[in-house]
Amino acid sequence: MCTHQRRTQLLTAIAEWVRRCDQDVLARLGCPFDPFTDRFKAPGERTLRDVFARFVPAILTAAGLGIAHSINKSWDAVHDLYTAANALSTDADEPWNLPIYGGRPVPHSADADPSDPPLMLLEPPEVSQAAQFLTAVSFDELWSVVEARFSALGWTKQEHIEHHRDLQEFYGQAASAGHAVVKAVWA
């Protein structure tokens, strides 16, 4: 969970980024299309703040922000879980990097706060690849690789399987809709 200040900075960074997006990116993000202007409409910062204040995936989707999801978790731990797939596979594409840290960095504007999190854009083909990885990978096999280390840190199998299922659902829905995914991960 991020602090109020960090959440405010994140929403400002997202709003600045989305204002600069091309029409094709807004379309891939699932933004609403305005037939009167013949353009996709980017949500403003106020809309983002209002929606995130009542963070419910269905509301975000209805507001034109595509599908949204948040997991309050140490992302490094979830990424470490997926990196365990490297020990189980020889897939050179490394799809285990996609769900958490994968994607293309999106540069901030010159006047952006340098403490804003980096935004990563995962294009629809990569979203589909992430969804396929999350569906195909055996959670139990991943857990067997990391169990001793994670248990020593007090991390439980139950909390990680819940995050895994949430990510499976999120990426599955985004892939089915043909959406791109924009991620901000606070370190």
Protein backbone atom coordinates (compact mmCIF):
# COMPACT_ATOMS: atom_id res chain seq x y z
CA MET A 1 0.00 0.00 0.00
CA CYS A 2 1.44 3.38 -0.89
CA THR A 3 1.23 6.48 1.28
CA HIS A 4 -1.19 9.29 0.39
CA GLN A 5 1.70 11.42 -0.86
CA ARG A 6 3.02 8.64 -3.06
CA ARG A 7 -0.49 7.87 -4.33
CA THR A 8 -0.93 11.55 -5.21
CA GLN A 9 2.41 11.58 -7.05
CA LEU A 10 1.49 8.39 -8.87
CA LEU A 11 -1.84 9.77 -10.07
CA THR A 12 -0.18 12.99 -11.22
CA ALA A 13 2.46 10.98 -13.11
CA ILE A 14 -0.19 8.77 -14.73
CA ALA A 15 -2.32 11.79 -15.69
CA GLU A 16 0.70 13.55 -17.23
CA TRP A 17 1.66 10.45 -19.14
CA VAL A 18 -1.83 9.68 -20.45
CA ARG A 19 -2.27 13.29 -21.67
CA ARG A 20 0.76 12.75 -23.94
CA CYS A 21 -0.41 9.42 -25.32
CA ASP A 22 -1.12 9.00 -29.00
CA GLN A 23 -4.60 7.94 -30.07
CA ASP A 24 -3.45 4.37 -30.77
CA VAL A 25 -2.14 4.04 -27.18
CA LEU A 26 -5.39 5.44 -25.74
CA ALA A 27 -7.30 2.89 -27.82
CA ARG A 28 -5.12 0.01 -26.58
CA LEU A 29 -5.63 1.20 -23.00
CA GLY A 30 -9.41 0.94 -23.49
CA CYS A 31 -10.15 4.67 -23.16
CA PRO A 32 -13.63 5.76 -24.30
CA PHE A 33 -14.11 6.88 -27.89
CA ASP A 34 -15.89 10.20 -28.47
CA PRO A 35 -17.78 9.97 -31.79
CA PHE A 36 -18.26 13.75 -31.91
CA THR A 37 -14.54 14.50 -31.92
CA ASP A 38 -13.59 11.20 -33.57
CA ARG A 39 -10.92 10.73 -30.88
CA PHE A 40 -10.26 8.58 -27.83
CA LYS A 41 -10.61 10.56 -24.63
CA ALA A 42 -7.86 10.41 -21.99
CA PRO A 43 -9.09 10.62 -18.41
CA GLY A 44 -7.86 13.71 -16.57
CA GLU A 45 -6.10 13.81 -13.22
CA ARG A 46 -9.31 14.71 -11.39
CA THR A 47 -11.07 11.69 -12.90
CA LEU A 48 -8.14 9.49 -11.91
CA ARG A 49 -8.24 10.84 -8.34
CA ASP A 50 -12.00 10.38 -8.05
CA VAL A 51 -11.85 6.86 -9.39
CA PHE A 52 -8.82 5.75 -7.39
CA ALA A 53 -10.39 7.16 -4.22
CA ARG A 54 -13.07 4.49 -4.65
CA PHE A 55 -10.70 1.90 -6.06
CA VAL A 56 -12.98 -0.78 -7.44
CA PRO A 57 -12.01 -2.49 -10.71
CA ALA A 58 -15.56 -2.24 -12.12
CA ILE A 59 -15.63 1.52 -11.48
CA LEU A 60 -12.27 2.01 -13.15
CA THR A 61 -13.43 0.09 -16.18
CA ALA A 62 -16.65 2.14 -16.39
CA ALA A 63 -14.63 5.37 -16.09
CA GLY A 64 -12.77 4.49 -19.26
CA LEU A 65 -9.56 3.34 -17.62
CA GLY A 66 -9.72 -0.20 -18.95
CA ILE A 67 -9.28 -2.98 -16.42
CA ALA A 68 -7.50 -2.06 -13.21
CA HIS A 69 -6.06 -4.05 -10.39
CA SER A 70 -3.87 -3.44 -7.39
CA ILE A 71 -2.04 -5.88 -5.17
CA ASN A 72 -0.59 -4.63 -1.92
CA LYS A 73 2.55 -6.71 -1.90
CA SER A 74 6.27 -6.50 -2.09
CA TRP A 75 6.60 -6.75 -5.84
CA ASP A 76 10.15 -8.02 -5.57
CA ALA A 77 8.85 -11.10 -3.73
CA VAL A 78 6.19 -11.78 -6.38
CA HIS A 79 8.79 -11.26 -9.11
CA ASP A 80 11.18 -13.64 -7.29
CA LEU A 81 8.41 -16.24 -7.24
CA TYR A 82 7.98 -15.97 -11.02
CA THR A 83 11.74 -15.91 -11.62
CA ALA A 84 11.76 -19.42 -10.13
CA ALA A 85 10.33 -20.44 -13.54
CA ASN A 86 13.86 -19.95 -14.86
CA ALA A 87 14.91 -23.01 -12.87
CA LEU A 88 11.98 -24.98 -14.30
CA SER A 89 12.25 -23.97 -17.96
CA THR A 90 14.69 -23.09 -20.71
CA ASP A 91 12.33 -20.61 -22.40
CA ALA A 92 14.65 -17.95 -23.81
CA ASP A 93 11.85 -15.35 -23.89
CA GLU A 94 11.80 -15.18 -20.09
CA PRO A 95 8.03 -14.64 -19.84
CA TRP A 96 8.30 -14.65 -16.04
CA ASN A 97 9.64 -11.08 -16.24
CA LEU A 98 6.48 -9.76 -17.89
CA PRO A 99 3.87 -9.75 -15.07
CA ILE A 100 5.80 -7.50 -12.68
CA TYR A 101 8.72 -5.70 -14.31
CA GLY A 102 8.15 -6.37 -18.01
CA GLY A 103 7.31 -3.77 -20.58
CA ARG A 104 8.74 -0.68 -22.16
CA PRO A 105 9.65 2.27 -19.93
CA VAL A 106 7.56 5.34 -20.64
CA PRO A 107 9.58 8.52 -20.14
CA HIS A 108 8.23 11.19 -17.84
CA SER A 109 7.92 14.77 -19.01
CA ALA A 110 10.88 17.05 -18.38
CA ASP A 111 9.06 18.77 -15.49
CA ALA A 112 7.98 15.54 -13.77
CA ASP A 113 9.02 14.85 -10.19
CA PRO A 114 12.06 12.54 -10.31
CA SER A 115 10.64 10.57 -7.37
CA ASP A 116 7.63 9.50 -9.48
CA PRO A 117 7.66 5.78 -10.16
CA PRO A 118 8.69 4.64 -13.59
CA LEU A 119 5.73 3.75 -15.76
CA MET A 120 6.00 0.62 -17.85
CA LEU A 121 3.85 -0.10 -20.90
CA LEU A 122 3.14 -3.71 -21.77
CA GLU A 123 1.72 -3.87 -25.30
CA PRO A 124 -1.20 -6.25 -26.03
CA PRO A 125 1.02 -9.06 -27.43
CA GLU A 126 3.13 -8.96 -24.25
CA VAL A 127 -0.01 -8.86 -22.12
CA SER A 128 -1.15 -12.04 -23.88
CA GLN A 129 2.25 -13.63 -23.32
CA ALA A 130 2.12 -12.72 -19.61
CA ALA A 131 -1.40 -14.16 -19.34
CA GLN A 132 -0.28 -17.37 -21.05
CA PHE A 133 2.69 -17.69 -18.71
CA LEU A 134 0.53 -17.15 -15.61
CA THR A 135 -1.99 -19.71 -16.83
CA ALA A 136 0.58 -22.32 -17.84
CA VAL A 137 3.00 -22.10 -14.93
CA SER A 138 2.46 -24.42 -11.99
CA PHE A 139 2.26 -22.39 -8.81
CA ASP A 140 3.15 -25.47 -6.76
CA GLU A 141 6.30 -26.06 -8.83
CA LEU A 142 7.31 -22.40 -8.43
CA TRP A 143 6.67 -22.58 -4.71
CA SER A 144 8.81 -25.70 -4.37
CA VAL A 145 11.78 -23.72 -5.73
CA VAL A 146 11.35 -20.74 -3.37
CA GLU A 147 9.66 -22.29 -0.32
CA ALA A 148 12.68 -22.55 1.99
CA ARG A 149 13.87 -19.00 1.28
CA PHE A 150 10.39 -17.44 1.41
CA SER A 151 9.39 -19.33 4.56
CA ALA A 152 12.56 -18.12 6.29
CA LEU A 153 11.42 -14.56 5.52
CA GLY A 154 7.94 -15.24 6.93
CA TRP A 155 6.21 -15.21 3.56
CA THR A 156 3.41 -17.74 3.24
CA LYS A 157 2.28 -19.88 0.37
CA GLN A 158 -1.32 -18.72 0.89
CA GLU A 159 -0.57 -15.01 0.42
CA HIS A 160 1.46 -15.69 -2.72
CA ILE A 161 -1.10 -17.99 -4.30
CA GLU A 162 -3.74 -15.29 -3.78
CA HIS A 163 -1.55 -12.72 -5.54
CA HIS A 164 -0.83 -15.24 -8.29
CA ARG A 165 -4.55 -15.86 -8.84
CA ASP A 166 -5.25 -12.11 -8.85
CA LEU A 167 -2.57 -11.57 -11.49
CA GLN A 168 -3.88 -14.51 -13.55
CA GLU A 169 -7.34 -12.92 -13.54
CA PHE A 170 -6.06 -9.40 -14.27
CA TYR A 171 -3.79 -10.38 -17.17
CA GLY A 172 -6.37 -12.84 -18.49
CA GLN A 173 -9.03 -10.11 -18.66
CA ALA A 174 -6.64 -7.56 -20.17
CA ALA A 175 -5.46 -10.09 -22.80
CA SER A 176 -9.04 -11.09 -23.67
CA ALA A 177 -9.94 -7.43 -24.18
CA GLY A 178 -6.81 -6.81 -26.28
CA HIS A 179 -5.67 -4.12 -23.83
CA ALA A 180 -2.21 -2.86 -23.10
CA VAL A 181 -1.18 -2.61 -19.44
CA VAL A 182 0.40 0.41 -17.78
CA LYS A 183 2.22 -0.39 -14.56
CA ALA A 184 3.75 1.71 -11.81
CA VAL A 185 5.57 -0.22 -9.13
CA TRP A 186 6.79 1.60 -6.06
CA ALA A 187 10.13 0.27 -4.89
